[in-house]
Amino acid sequence: MDSRAAQSFSTAVAINPDYYLGHLGLGLIQKKQARIAQAKQNLLNSKQLLPTQTAVYHLGEIELAQGNRETAVNYFRSATQQGGELGERARAQLQTLQTAPADTDKPEGRY
């Protein structure tokens, strides 16, 4: 299923590279598939076109997993401003980061 969806989003990006949703969908699928470099680039492209809560939250997760705490915090702060489920998840991430030592941010075996 993911590969068909990824193919559809890739086609959407090829047809209309200036529409955020193709990049967003492709980035989310690539993140799920642990294709992190590609996911990050597509999420950044999506954010540049339209800075959605979904894109910034998932960019925060990627940055945190890569040990980029300050950048992750900025993304999570942005994601909290729109509320909802992702806003609450971002708020929880921020609370964890405020109480965790800086060297424990990168979960082992992720990204």
PDB file of N, CA and C in Angstrom:
ATOM      1  N   MET A   1       0.818  -1.193   0.000  1.00  0.00           N
ATOM      2  CA  MET A   1       0.000   0.000   0.000  1.00  0.00           C
ATOM      3  C   MET A   1       0.862   1.258   0.000  1.00  0.00           C
ATOM      4  N   ASP A   2       1.880   1.294   0.886  1.00  0.00           N
ATOM      5  CA  ASP A   2       2.736   2.485   0.963  1.00  0.00           C
ATOM      6  C   ASP A   2       3.439   2.766  -0.356  1.00  0.00           C
ATOM      7  N   SER A   3       3.871   1.714  -1.048  1.00  0.00           N
ATOM      8  CA  SER A   3       4.598   1.957  -2.294  1.00  0.00           C
ATOM      9  C   SER A   3       3.673   2.533  -3.365  1.00  0.00           C
ATOM     10  N   ARG A   4       2.426   2.088  -3.404  1.00  0.00           N
ATOM     11  CA  ARG A   4       1.473   2.666  -4.366  1.00  0.00           C
ATOM     12  C   ARG A   4       1.161   4.108  -4.006  1.00  0.00           C
ATOM     13  N   ALA A   5       1.002   4.376  -2.724  1.00  0.00           N
ATOM     14  CA  ALA A   5       0.735   5.749  -2.289  1.00  0.00           C
ATOM     15  C   ALA A   5       1.938   6.641  -2.593  1.00  0.00           C
ATOM     16  N   ALA A   6       3.140   6.131  -2.324  1.00  0.00           N
ATOM     17  CA  ALA A   6       4.350   6.905  -2.602  1.00  0.00           C
ATOM     18  C   ALA A   6       4.450   7.204  -4.094  1.00  0.00           C
ATOM     19  N   GLN A   7       4.105   6.226  -4.916  1.00  0.00           N
ATOM     20  CA  GLN A   7       4.135   6.435  -6.362  1.00  0.00           C
ATOM     21  C   GLN A   7       3.116   7.503  -6.773  1.00  0.00           C
ATOM     22  N   SER A   8       1.946   7.468  -6.170  1.00  0.00           N
ATOM     23  CA  SER A   8       0.919   8.472  -6.477  1.00  0.00           C
ATOM     24  C   SER A   8       1.366   9.870  -6.065  1.00  0.00           C
ATOM     25  N   PHE A   9       1.948   9.985  -4.878  1.00  0.00           N
ATOM     26  CA  PHE A   9       2.435  11.293  -4.431  1.00  0.00           C
ATOM     27  C   PHE A   9       3.606  11.769  -5.285  1.00  0.00           C
ATOM     28  N   SER A  10       4.473  10.847  -5.704  1.00  0.00           N
ATOM     29  CA  SER A  10       5.580  11.215  -6.598  1.00  0.00           C
ATOM     30  C   SER A  10       5.057  11.751  -7.918  1.00  0.00           C
ATOM     31  N   THR A  11       4.027  11.107  -8.423  1.00  0.00           N
ATOM     32  CA  THR A  11       3.402  11.580  -9.662  1.00  0.00           C
ATOM     33  C   THR A  11       2.794  12.962  -9.454  1.00  0.00           C
ATOM     34  N   ALA A  12       2.129  13.151  -8.317  1.00  0.00           N
ATOM     35  CA  ALA A  12       1.530  14.455  -8.018  1.00  0.00           C
ATOM     36  C   ALA A  12       2.594  15.549  -7.958  1.00  0.00           C
ATOM     37  N   VAL A  13       3.740  15.245  -7.349  1.00  0.00           N
ATOM     38  CA  VAL A  13       4.842  16.216  -7.268  1.00  0.00           C
ATOM     39  C   VAL A  13       5.377  16.518  -8.660  1.00  0.00           C
ATOM     40  N   ALA A  14       5.495  15.494  -9.491  1.00  0.00           N
ATOM     41  CA  ALA A  14       6.002  15.694 -10.854  1.00  0.00           C
ATOM     42  C   ALA A  14       5.045  16.559 -11.678  1.00  0.00           C
ATOM     43  N   ILE A  15       3.753  16.347 -11.496  1.00  0.00           N
ATOM     44  CA  ILE A  15       2.755  17.113 -12.242  1.00  0.00           C
ATOM     45  C   ILE A  15       2.660  18.546 -11.739  1.00  0.00           C
ATOM     46  N   ASN A  16       2.670  18.708 -10.416  1.00  0.00           N
ATOM     47  CA  ASN A  16       2.526  20.046  -9.842  1.00  0.00           C
ATOM     48  C   ASN A  16       3.467  20.213  -8.647  1.00  0.00           C
ATOM     49  N   PRO A  17       4.727  20.528  -8.905  1.00  0.00           N
ATOM     50  CA  PRO A  17       5.707  20.635  -7.818  1.00  0.00           C
ATOM     51  C   PRO A  17       5.463  21.824  -6.886  1.00  0.00           C
ATOM     52  N   ASP A  18       4.582  22.716  -7.252  1.00  0.00           N
ATOM     53  CA  ASP A  18       4.302  23.886  -6.413  1.00  0.00           C
ATOM     54  C   ASP A  18       3.101  23.691  -5.497  1.00  0.00           C
ATOM     55  N   TYR A  19       2.599  22.470  -5.401  1.00  0.00           N
ATOM     56  CA  TYR A  19       1.487  22.169  -4.499  1.00  0.00           C
ATOM     57  C   TYR A  19       2.034  21.383  -3.315  1.00  0.00           C
ATOM     58  N   TYR A  20       1.789  21.898  -2.126  1.00  0.00           N
ATOM     59  CA  TYR A  20       2.390  21.350  -0.910  1.00  0.00           C
ATOM     60  C   TYR A  20       2.011  19.902  -0.613  1.00  0.00           C
ATOM     61  N   LEU A  21       0.785  19.512  -0.946  1.00  0.00           N
ATOM     62  CA  LEU A  21       0.266  18.228  -0.477  1.00  0.00           C
ATOM     63  C   LEU A  21       1.013  17.021  -1.041  1.00  0.00           C
ATOM     64  N   GLY A  22       1.463  17.103  -2.274  1.00  0.00           N
ATOM     65  CA  GLY A  22       2.239  15.993  -2.829  1.00  0.00           C
ATOM     66  C   GLY A  22       3.530  15.773  -2.062  1.00  0.00           C
ATOM     67  N   HIS A  23       4.214  16.870  -1.763  1.00  0.00           N
ATOM     68  CA  HIS A  23       5.460  16.782  -0.984  1.00  0.00           C
ATOM     69  C   HIS A  23       5.184  16.268   0.427  1.00  0.00           C
ATOM     70  N   LEU A  24       4.107  16.763   1.030  1.00  0.00           N
ATOM     71  CA  LEU A  24       3.767  16.354   2.399  1.00  0.00           C
ATOM     72  C   LEU A  24       3.476  14.858   2.459  1.00  0.00           C
ATOM     73  N   GLY A  25       2.598  14.382   1.586  1.00  0.00           N
ATOM     74  CA  GLY A  25       2.258  12.960   1.589  1.00  0.00           C
ATOM     75  C   GLY A  25       3.459  12.078   1.320  1.00  0.00           C
ATOM     76  N   LEU A  26       4.268  12.469   0.350  1.00  0.00           N
ATOM     77  CA  LEU A  26       5.462  11.691   0.023  1.00  0.00           C
ATOM     78  C   LEU A  26       6.437  11.686   1.202  1.00  0.00           C
ATOM     79  N   GLY A  27       6.615  12.838   1.824  1.00  0.00           N
ATOM     80  CA  GLY A  27       7.522  12.919   2.977  1.00  0.00           C
ATOM     81  C   GLY A  27       7.068  12.049   4.140  1.00  0.00           C
ATOM     82  N   LEU A  28       5.777  12.021   4.409  1.00  0.00           N
ATOM     83  CA  LEU A  28       5.265  11.195   5.506  1.00  0.00           C
ATOM     84  C   LEU A  28       5.460   9.709   5.231  1.00  0.00           C
ATOM     85  N   ILE A  29       5.220   9.310   3.989  1.00  0.00           N
ATOM     86  CA  ILE A  29       5.434   7.902   3.630  1.00  0.00           C
ATOM     87  C   ILE A  29       6.918   7.548   3.720  1.00  0.00           C
ATOM     88  N   GLN A  30       7.771   8.425   3.217  1.00  0.00           N
ATOM     89  CA  GLN A  30       9.215   8.159   3.272  1.00  0.00           C
ATOM     90  C   GLN A  30       9.696   8.089   4.718  1.00  0.00           C
ATOM     91  N   LYS A  31       9.158   8.913   5.578  1.00  0.00           N
ATOM     92  CA  LYS A  31       9.531   8.862   7.000  1.00  0.00           C
ATOM     93  C   LYS A  31       9.132   7.514   7.584  1.00  0.00           C
ATOM     94  N   LYS A  32       7.940   7.072   7.273  1.00  0.00           N
ATOM     95  CA  LYS A  32       7.458   5.771   7.756  1.00  0.00           C
ATOM     96  C   LYS A  32       8.353   4.642   7.249  1.00  0.00           C
ATOM     97  N   GLN A  33       8.873   4.793   6.049  1.00  0.00           N
ATOM     98  CA  GLN A  33       9.751   3.780   5.450  1.00  0.00           C
ATOM     99  C   GLN A  33      11.206   3.947   5.873  1.00  0.00           C
ATOM    100  N   ALA A  34      11.474   4.882   6.779  1.00  0.00           N
ATOM    101  CA  ALA A  34      12.833   5.176   7.269  1.00  0.00           C
ATOM    102  C   ALA A  34      13.752   5.673   6.161  1.00  0.00           C
ATOM    103  N   ARG A  35      13.191   6.313   5.165  1.00  0.00           N
ATOM    104  CA  ARG A  35      13.971   6.981   4.114  1.00  0.00           C
ATOM    105  C   ARG A  35      14.059   8.455   4.527  1.00  0.00           C
ATOM    106  N   ILE A  36      14.835   8.698   5.556  1.00  0.00           N
ATOM    107  CA  ILE A  36      14.798   9.954   6.284  1.00  0.00           C
ATOM    108  C   ILE A  36      15.309  11.144   5.476  1.00  0.00           C
ATOM    109  N   ALA A  37      16.375  10.995   4.745  1.00  0.00           N
ATOM    110  CA  ALA A  37      16.893  12.128   3.964  1.00  0.00           C
ATOM    111  C   ALA A  37      15.856  12.602   2.957  1.00  0.00           C
ATOM    112  N   GLN A  38      15.218  11.655   2.264  1.00  0.00           N
ATOM    113  CA  GLN A  38      14.191  12.014   1.297  1.00  0.00           C
ATOM    114  C   GLN A  38      12.965  12.597   2.003  1.00  0.00           C
ATOM    115  N   ALA A  39      12.588  11.994   3.112  1.00  0.00           N
ATOM    116  CA  ALA A  39      11.435  12.480   3.872  1.00  0.00           C
ATOM    117  C   ALA A  39      11.652  13.919   4.319  1.00  0.00           C
ATOM    118  N   LYS A  40      12.830  14.171   4.859  1.00  0.00           N
ATOM    119  CA  LYS A  40      13.135  15.514   5.344  1.00  0.00           C
ATOM    120  C   LYS A  40      13.069  16.531   4.206  1.00  0.00           C
ATOM    121  N   GLN A  41      13.615  16.186   3.056  1.00  0.00           N
ATOM    122  CA  GLN A  41      13.593  17.120   1.931  1.00  0.00           C
ATOM    123  C   GLN A  41      12.164  17.392   1.458  1.00  0.00           C
ATOM    124  N   ASN A  42      11.346  16.359   1.364  1.00  0.00           N
ATOM    125  CA  ASN A  42       9.964  16.561   0.929  1.00  0.00           C
ATOM    126  C   ASN A  42       9.150  17.328   1.967  1.00  0.00           C
ATOM    127  N   LEU A  43       9.390  17.073   3.239  1.00  0.00           N
ATOM    128  CA  LEU A  43       8.688  17.825   4.285  1.00  0.00           C
ATOM    129  C   LEU A  43       9.129  19.288   4.277  1.00  0.00           C
ATOM    130  N   LEU A  44      10.411  19.529   4.054  1.00  0.00           N
ATOM    131  CA  LEU A  44      10.887  20.912   3.935  1.00  0.00           C
ATOM    132  C   LEU A  44      10.273  21.608   2.720  1.00  0.00           C
ATOM    133  N   ASN A  45      10.189  20.889   1.604  1.00  0.00           N
ATOM    134  CA  ASN A  45       9.549  21.455   0.409  1.00  0.00           C
ATOM    135  C   ASN A  45       8.092  21.802   0.699  1.00  0.00           C
ATOM    136  N   SER A  46       7.396  20.893   1.361  1.00  0.00           N
ATOM    137  CA  SER A  46       6.008  21.129   1.709  1.00  0.00           C
ATOM    138  C   SER A  46       5.873  22.345   2.618  1.00  0.00           C
ATOM    139  N   LYS A  47       6.726  22.413   3.627  1.00  0.00           N
ATOM    140  CA  LYS A  47       6.699  23.532   4.578  1.00  0.00           C
ATOM    141  C   LYS A  47       6.973  24.854   3.880  1.00  0.00           C
ATOM    142  N   GLN A  48       7.878  24.842   2.930  1.00  0.00           N
ATOM    143  CA  GLN A  48       8.191  26.072   2.199  1.00  0.00           C
ATOM    144  C   GLN A  48       6.980  26.550   1.393  1.00  0.00           C
ATOM    145  N   LEU A  49       6.247  25.607   0.826  1.00  0.00           N
ATOM    146  CA  LEU A  49       5.070  25.961   0.031  1.00  0.00           C
ATOM    147  C   LEU A  49       3.888  26.363   0.910  1.00  0.00           C
ATOM    148  N   LEU A  50       3.693  25.641   2.008  1.00  0.00           N
ATOM    149  CA  LEU A  50       2.620  25.939   2.959  1.00  0.00           C
ATOM    150  C   LEU A  50       3.009  25.333   4.296  1.00  0.00           C
ATOM    151  N   PRO A  51       3.375  26.150   5.275  1.00  0.00           N
ATOM    152  CA  PRO A  51       3.865  25.630   6.559  1.00  0.00           C
ATOM    153  C   PRO A  51       2.737  25.035   7.423  1.00  0.00           C
ATOM    154  N   THR A  52       2.431  23.764   7.173  1.00  0.00           N
ATOM    155  CA  THR A  52       1.377  23.090   7.925  1.00  0.00           C
ATOM    156  C   THR A  52       1.909  22.529   9.246  1.00  0.00           C
ATOM    157  N   GLN A  53       0.997  22.336  10.171  1.00  0.00           N
ATOM    158  CA  GLN A  53       1.334  21.736  11.457  1.00  0.00           C
ATOM    159  C   GLN A  53       1.917  20.334  11.260  1.00  0.00           C
ATOM    160  N   THR A  54       1.359  19.584  10.349  1.00  0.00           N
ATOM    161  CA  THR A  54       1.825  18.219  10.095  1.00  0.00           C
ATOM    162  C   THR A  54       3.282  18.211   9.651  1.00  0.00           C
ATOM    163  N   ALA A  55       3.624  19.066   8.714  1.00  0.00           N
ATOM    164  CA  ALA A  55       5.007  19.114   8.224  1.00  0.00           C
ATOM    165  C   ALA A  55       5.966  19.515   9.336  1.00  0.00           C
ATOM    166  N   VAL A  56       5.640  20.573  10.078  1.00  0.00           N
ATOM    167  CA  VAL A  56       6.589  21.032  11.092  1.00  0.00           C
ATOM    168  C   VAL A  56       6.717  20.036  12.247  1.00  0.00           C
ATOM    169  N   TYR A  57       5.639  19.363  12.617  1.00  0.00           N
ATOM    170  CA  TYR A  57       5.739  18.359  13.678  1.00  0.00           C
ATOM    171  C   TYR A  57       6.668  17.221  13.259  1.00  0.00           C
ATOM    172  N   HIS A  58       6.471  16.701  12.063  1.00  0.00           N
ATOM    173  CA  HIS A  58       7.293  15.571  11.614  1.00  0.00           C
ATOM    174  C   HIS A  58       8.740  15.990  11.356  1.00  0.00           C
ATOM    175  N   LEU A  59       8.949  17.217  10.924  1.00  0.00           N
ATOM    176  CA  LEU A  59      10.320  17.724  10.826  1.00  0.00           C
ATOM    177  C   LEU A  59      10.946  17.792  12.215  1.00  0.00           C
ATOM    178  N   GLY A  60      10.167  18.170  13.212  1.00  0.00           N
ATOM    179  CA  GLY A  60      10.662  18.180  14.591  1.00  0.00           C
ATOM    180  C   GLY A  60      11.095  16.799  15.038  1.00  0.00           C
ATOM    181  N   GLU A  61      10.287  15.787  14.726  1.00  0.00           N
ATOM    182  CA  GLU A  61      10.662  14.418  15.091  1.00  0.00           C
ATOM    183  C   GLU A  61      11.963  13.991  14.409  1.00  0.00           C
ATOM    184  N   ILE A  62      12.093  14.322  13.142  1.00  0.00           N
ATOM    185  CA  ILE A  62      13.312  13.960  12.411  1.00  0.00           C
ATOM    186  C   ILE A  62      14.518  14.672  13.014  1.00  0.00           C
ATOM    187  N   GLU A  63      14.391  15.962  13.249  1.00  0.00           N
ATOM    188  CA  GLU A  63      15.517  16.724  13.815  1.00  0.00           C
ATOM    189  C   GLU A  63      15.892  16.197  15.197  1.00  0.00           C
ATOM    190  N   LEU A  64      14.916  15.873  16.003  1.00  0.00           N
ATOM    191  CA  LEU A  64      15.203  15.334  17.331  1.00  0.00           C
ATOM    192  C   LEU A  64      15.945  14.002  17.230  1.00  0.00           C
ATOM    193  N   ALA A  65      15.477  13.140  16.357  1.00  0.00           N
ATOM    194  CA  ALA A  65      16.127  11.837  16.181  1.00  0.00           C
ATOM    195  C   ALA A  65      17.544  11.978  15.648  1.00  0.00           C
ATOM    196  N   GLN A  66      17.802  13.057  14.917  1.00  0.00           N
ATOM    197  CA  GLN A  66      19.144  13.289  14.393  1.00  0.00           C
ATOM    198  C   GLN A  66      20.020  14.073  15.361  1.00  0.00           C
ATOM    199  N   GLY A  67      19.494  14.345  16.547  1.00  0.00           N
ATOM    200  CA  GLY A  67      20.276  15.024  17.576  1.00  0.00           C
ATOM    201  C   GLY A  67      20.294  16.533  17.475  1.00  0.00           C
ATOM    202  N   ASN A  68      19.416  17.094  16.663  1.00  0.00           N
ATOM    203  CA  ASN A  68      19.350  18.547  16.486  1.00  0.00           C
ATOM    204  C   ASN A  68      18.271  19.126  17.391  1.00  0.00           C
ATOM    205  N   ARG A  69      18.583  19.156  18.663  1.00  0.00           N
ATOM    206  CA  ARG A  69      17.614  19.518  19.700  1.00  0.00           C
ATOM    207  C   ARG A  69      17.011  20.910  19.494  1.00  0.00           C
ATOM    208  N   GLU A  70      17.823  21.913  19.263  1.00  0.00           N
ATOM    209  CA  GLU A  70      17.328  23.289  19.143  1.00  0.00           C
ATOM    210  C   GLU A  70      16.373  23.432  17.957  1.00  0.00           C
ATOM    211  N   THR A  71      16.736  22.839  16.838  1.00  0.00           N
ATOM    212  CA  THR A  71      15.873  22.895  15.658  1.00  0.00           C
ATOM    213  C   THR A  71      14.568  22.158  15.919  1.00  0.00           C
ATOM    214  N   ALA A  72      14.654  21.000  16.575  1.00  0.00           N
ATOM    215  CA  ALA A  72      13.452  20.232  16.914  1.00  0.00           C
ATOM    216  C   ALA A  72      12.530  21.046  17.812  1.00  0.00           C
ATOM    217  N   VAL A  73      13.094  21.709  18.822  1.00  0.00           N
ATOM    218  CA  VAL A  73      12.296  22.531  19.732  1.00  0.00           C
ATOM    219  C   VAL A  73      11.555  23.615  18.954  1.00  0.00           C
ATOM    220  N   ASN A  74      12.231  24.250  18.018  1.00  0.00           N
ATOM    221  CA  ASN A  74      11.580  25.297  17.216  1.00  0.00           C
ATOM    222  C   ASN A  74      10.413  24.736  16.404  1.00  0.00           C
ATOM    223  N   TYR A  75      10.604  23.576  15.818  1.00  0.00           N
ATOM    224  CA  TYR A  75       9.514  22.948  15.062  1.00  0.00           C
ATOM    225  C   TYR A  75       8.357  22.573  15.989  1.00  0.00           C
ATOM    226  N   PHE A  76       8.667  21.975  17.129  1.00  0.00           N
ATOM    227  CA  PHE A  76       7.604  21.578  18.054  1.00  0.00           C
ATOM    228  C   PHE A  76       6.849  22.795  18.584  1.00  0.00           C
ATOM    229  N   ARG A  77       7.553  23.868  18.880  1.00  0.00           N
ATOM    230  CA  ARG A  77       6.878  25.099  19.326  1.00  0.00           C
ATOM    231  C   ARG A  77       5.901  25.590  18.273  1.00  0.00           C
ATOM    232  N   SER A  78       6.332  25.557  17.033  1.00  0.00           N
ATOM    233  CA  SER A  78       5.459  25.977  15.936  1.00  0.00           C
ATOM    234  C   SER A  78       4.229  25.070  15.852  1.00  0.00           C
ATOM    235  N   ALA A  79       4.421  23.786  16.008  1.00  0.00           N
ATOM    236  CA  ALA A  79       3.314  22.825  15.905  1.00  0.00           C
ATOM    237  C   ALA A  79       2.306  22.986  17.037  1.00  0.00           C
ATOM    238  N   THR A  80       2.742  23.431  18.201  1.00  0.00           N
ATOM    239  CA  THR A  80       1.804  23.580  19.329  1.00  0.00           C
ATOM    240  C   THR A  80       0.805  24.701  19.089  1.00  0.00           C
ATOM    241  N   GLN A  81       1.139  25.656  18.267  1.00  0.00           N
ATOM    242  CA  GLN A  81       0.312  26.847  18.108  1.00  0.00           C
ATOM    243  C   GLN A  81      -1.017  26.587  17.424  1.00  0.00           C
ATOM    244  N   GLN A  82      -1.153  25.475  16.734  1.00  0.00           N
ATOM    245  CA  GLN A  82      -2.407  25.186  16.046  1.00  0.00           C
ATOM    246  C   GLN A  82      -3.298  24.224  16.822  1.00  0.00           C
ATOM    247  N   GLY A  83      -2.853  23.800  18.008  1.00  0.00           N
ATOM    248  CA  GLY A  83      -3.684  22.943  18.855  1.00  0.00           C
ATOM    249  C   GLY A  83      -3.898  21.561  18.275  1.00  0.00           C
ATOM    250  N   GLY A  84      -4.993  20.938  18.672  1.00  0.00           N
ATOM    251  CA  GLY A  84      -5.348  19.610  18.188  1.00  0.00           C
ATOM    252  C   GLY A  84      -4.414  18.519  18.679  1.00  0.00           C
ATOM    253  N   GLU A  85      -4.588  17.334  18.111  1.00  0.00           N
ATOM    254  CA  GLU A  85      -3.800  16.171  18.523  1.00  0.00           C
ATOM    255  C   GLU A  85      -2.305  16.375  18.303  1.00  0.00           C
ATOM    256  N   LEU A  86      -1.929  16.876  17.116  1.00  0.00           N
ATOM    257  CA  LEU A  86      -0.501  17.103  16.861  1.00  0.00           C
ATOM    258  C   LEU A  86       0.050  18.194  17.768  1.00  0.00           C
ATOM    259  N   GLY A  87      -0.747  19.193  18.059  1.00  0.00           N
ATOM    260  CA  GLY A  87      -0.316  20.240  18.980  1.00  0.00           C
ATOM    261  C   GLY A  87      -0.028  19.676  20.358  1.00  0.00           C
ATOM    262  N   GLU A  88      -0.879  18.763  20.814  1.00  0.00           N
ATOM    263  CA  GLU A  88      -0.667  18.129  22.122  1.00  0.00           C
ATOM    264  C   GLU A  88       0.561  17.221  22.099  1.00  0.00           C
ATOM    265  N   ARG A  89       0.748  16.514  20.995  1.00  0.00           N
ATOM    266  CA  ARG A  89       1.945  15.669  20.877  1.00  0.00           C
ATOM    267  C   ARG A  89       3.208  16.526  20.865  1.00  0.00           C
ATOM    268  N   ALA A  90       3.145  17.669  20.191  1.00  0.00           N
ATOM    269  CA  ALA A  90       4.290  18.579  20.163  1.00  0.00           C
ATOM    270  C   ALA A  90       4.556  19.141  21.557  1.00  0.00           C
ATOM    271  N   ARG A  91       3.492  19.482  22.270  1.00  0.00           N
ATOM    272  CA  ARG A  91       3.636  19.998  23.634  1.00  0.00           C
ATOM    273  C   ARG A  91       4.292  18.947  24.535  1.00  0.00           C
ATOM    274  N   ALA A  92       3.885  17.699  24.383  1.00  0.00           N
ATOM    275  CA  ALA A  92       4.486  16.610  25.158  1.00  0.00           C
ATOM    276  C   ALA A  92       5.968  16.456  24.821  1.00  0.00           C
ATOM    277  N   GLN A  93       6.311  16.575  23.551  1.00  0.00           N
ATOM    278  CA  GLN A  93       7.722  16.501  23.145  1.00  0.00           C
ATOM    279  C   GLN A  93       8.514  17.623  23.808  1.00  0.00           C
ATOM    280  N   LEU A  94       7.950  18.829  23.818  1.00  0.00           N
ATOM    281  CA  LEU A  94       8.636  19.968  24.436  1.00  0.00           C
ATOM    282  C   LEU A  94       8.836  19.745  25.927  1.00  0.00           C
ATOM    283  N   GLN A  95       7.828  19.220  26.594  1.00  0.00           N
ATOM    284  CA  GLN A  95       7.963  18.951  28.032  1.00  0.00           C
ATOM    285  C   GLN A  95       9.048  17.919  28.292  1.00  0.00           C
ATOM    286  N   THR A  96       9.101  16.900  27.460  1.00  0.00           N
ATOM    287  CA  THR A  96      10.144  15.879  27.599  1.00  0.00           C
ATOM    288  C   THR A  96      11.523  16.496  27.381  1.00  0.00           C
ATOM    289  N   LEU A  97      11.635  17.340  26.379  1.00  0.00           N
ATOM    290  CA  LEU A  97      12.927  17.974  26.085  1.00  0.00           C
ATOM    291  C   LEU A  97      13.361  18.917  27.200  1.00  0.00           C
ATOM    292  N   GLN A  98      12.422  19.552  27.854  1.00  0.00           N
ATOM    293  CA  GLN A  98      12.766  20.481  28.939  1.00  0.00           C
ATOM    294  C   GLN A  98      13.277  19.743  30.167  1.00  0.00           C
ATOM    295  N   THR A  99      12.859  18.488  30.342  1.00  0.00           N
ATOM    296  CA  THR A  99      13.274  17.738  31.524  1.00  0.00           C
ATOM    297  C   THR A  99      14.397  16.745  31.242  1.00  0.00           C
ATOM    298  N   ALA A 100      14.658  16.456  29.964  1.00  0.00           N
ATOM    299  CA  ALA A 100      15.683  15.469  29.608  1.00  0.00           C
ATOM    300  C   ALA A 100      17.036  16.136  29.426  1.00  0.00           C
ATOM    301  N   PRO A 101      18.100  15.464  29.866  1.00  0.00           N
ATOM    302  CA  PRO A 101      19.445  15.973  29.563  1.00  0.00           C
ATOM    303  C   PRO A 101      19.647  16.019  28.053  1.00  0.00           C
ATOM    304  N   ALA A 102      20.447  16.942  27.594  1.00  0.00           N
ATOM    305  CA  ALA A 102      20.642  17.173  26.153  1.00  0.00           C
ATOM    306  C   ALA A 102      21.175  15.951  25.418  1.00  0.00           C
ATOM    307  N   ASP A 103      21.909  15.076  26.061  1.00  0.00           N
ATOM    308  CA  ASP A 103      22.513  13.944  25.352  1.00  0.00           C
ATOM    309  C   ASP A 103      21.582  12.740  25.233  1.00  0.00           C
ATOM    310  N   THR A 104      20.342  12.828  25.712  1.00  0.00           N
ATOM    311  CA  THR A 104      19.429  11.695  25.611  1.00  0.00           C
ATOM    312  C   THR A 104      18.344  11.922  24.577  1.00  0.00           C
ATOM    313  N   ASP A 105      18.491  12.919  23.721  1.00  0.00           N
ATOM    314  CA  ASP A 105      17.455  13.260  22.747  1.00  0.00           C
ATOM    315  C   ASP A 105      17.313  12.251  21.618  1.00  0.00           C
ATOM    316  N   LYS A 106      18.406  11.627  21.222  1.00  0.00           N
ATOM    317  CA  LYS A 106      18.375  10.788  20.037  1.00  0.00           C
ATOM    318  C   LYS A 106      18.038   9.344  20.427  1.00  0.00           C
ATOM    319  N   PRO A 107      16.812   8.904  20.081  1.00  0.00           N
ATOM    320  CA  PRO A 107      16.465   7.531  20.391  1.00  0.00           C
ATOM    321  C   PRO A 107      17.356   6.565  19.619  1.00  0.00           C
ATOM    322  N   GLU A 108      17.796   5.510  20.289  1.00  0.00           N
ATOM    323  CA  GLU A 108      18.685   4.554  19.639  1.00  0.00           C
ATOM    324  C   GLU A 108      17.962   3.829  18.510  1.00  0.00           C
ATOM    325  N   GLY A 109      18.664   3.634  17.410  1.00  0.00           N
ATOM    326  CA  GLY A 109      18.142   2.861  16.312  1.00  0.00           C
ATOM    327  C   GLY A 109      17.118   3.587  15.458  1.00  0.00           C
ATOM    328  N   ARG A 110      16.926   4.859  15.672  1.00  0.00           N
ATOM    329  CA  ARG A 110      15.937   5.604  14.891  1.00  0.00           C
ATOM    330  C   ARG A 110      16.651   6.583  13.987  1.00  0.00           C
ATOM    331  N   TYR A 111      16.280   6.592  12.740  1.00  0.00           N
ATOM    332  CA  TYR A 111      16.746   7.538  11.714  1.00  0.00           C
ATOM    333  C   TYR A 111      18.244   7.522  11.639  1.00  0.00           C
TER     334      TYR A 111
END
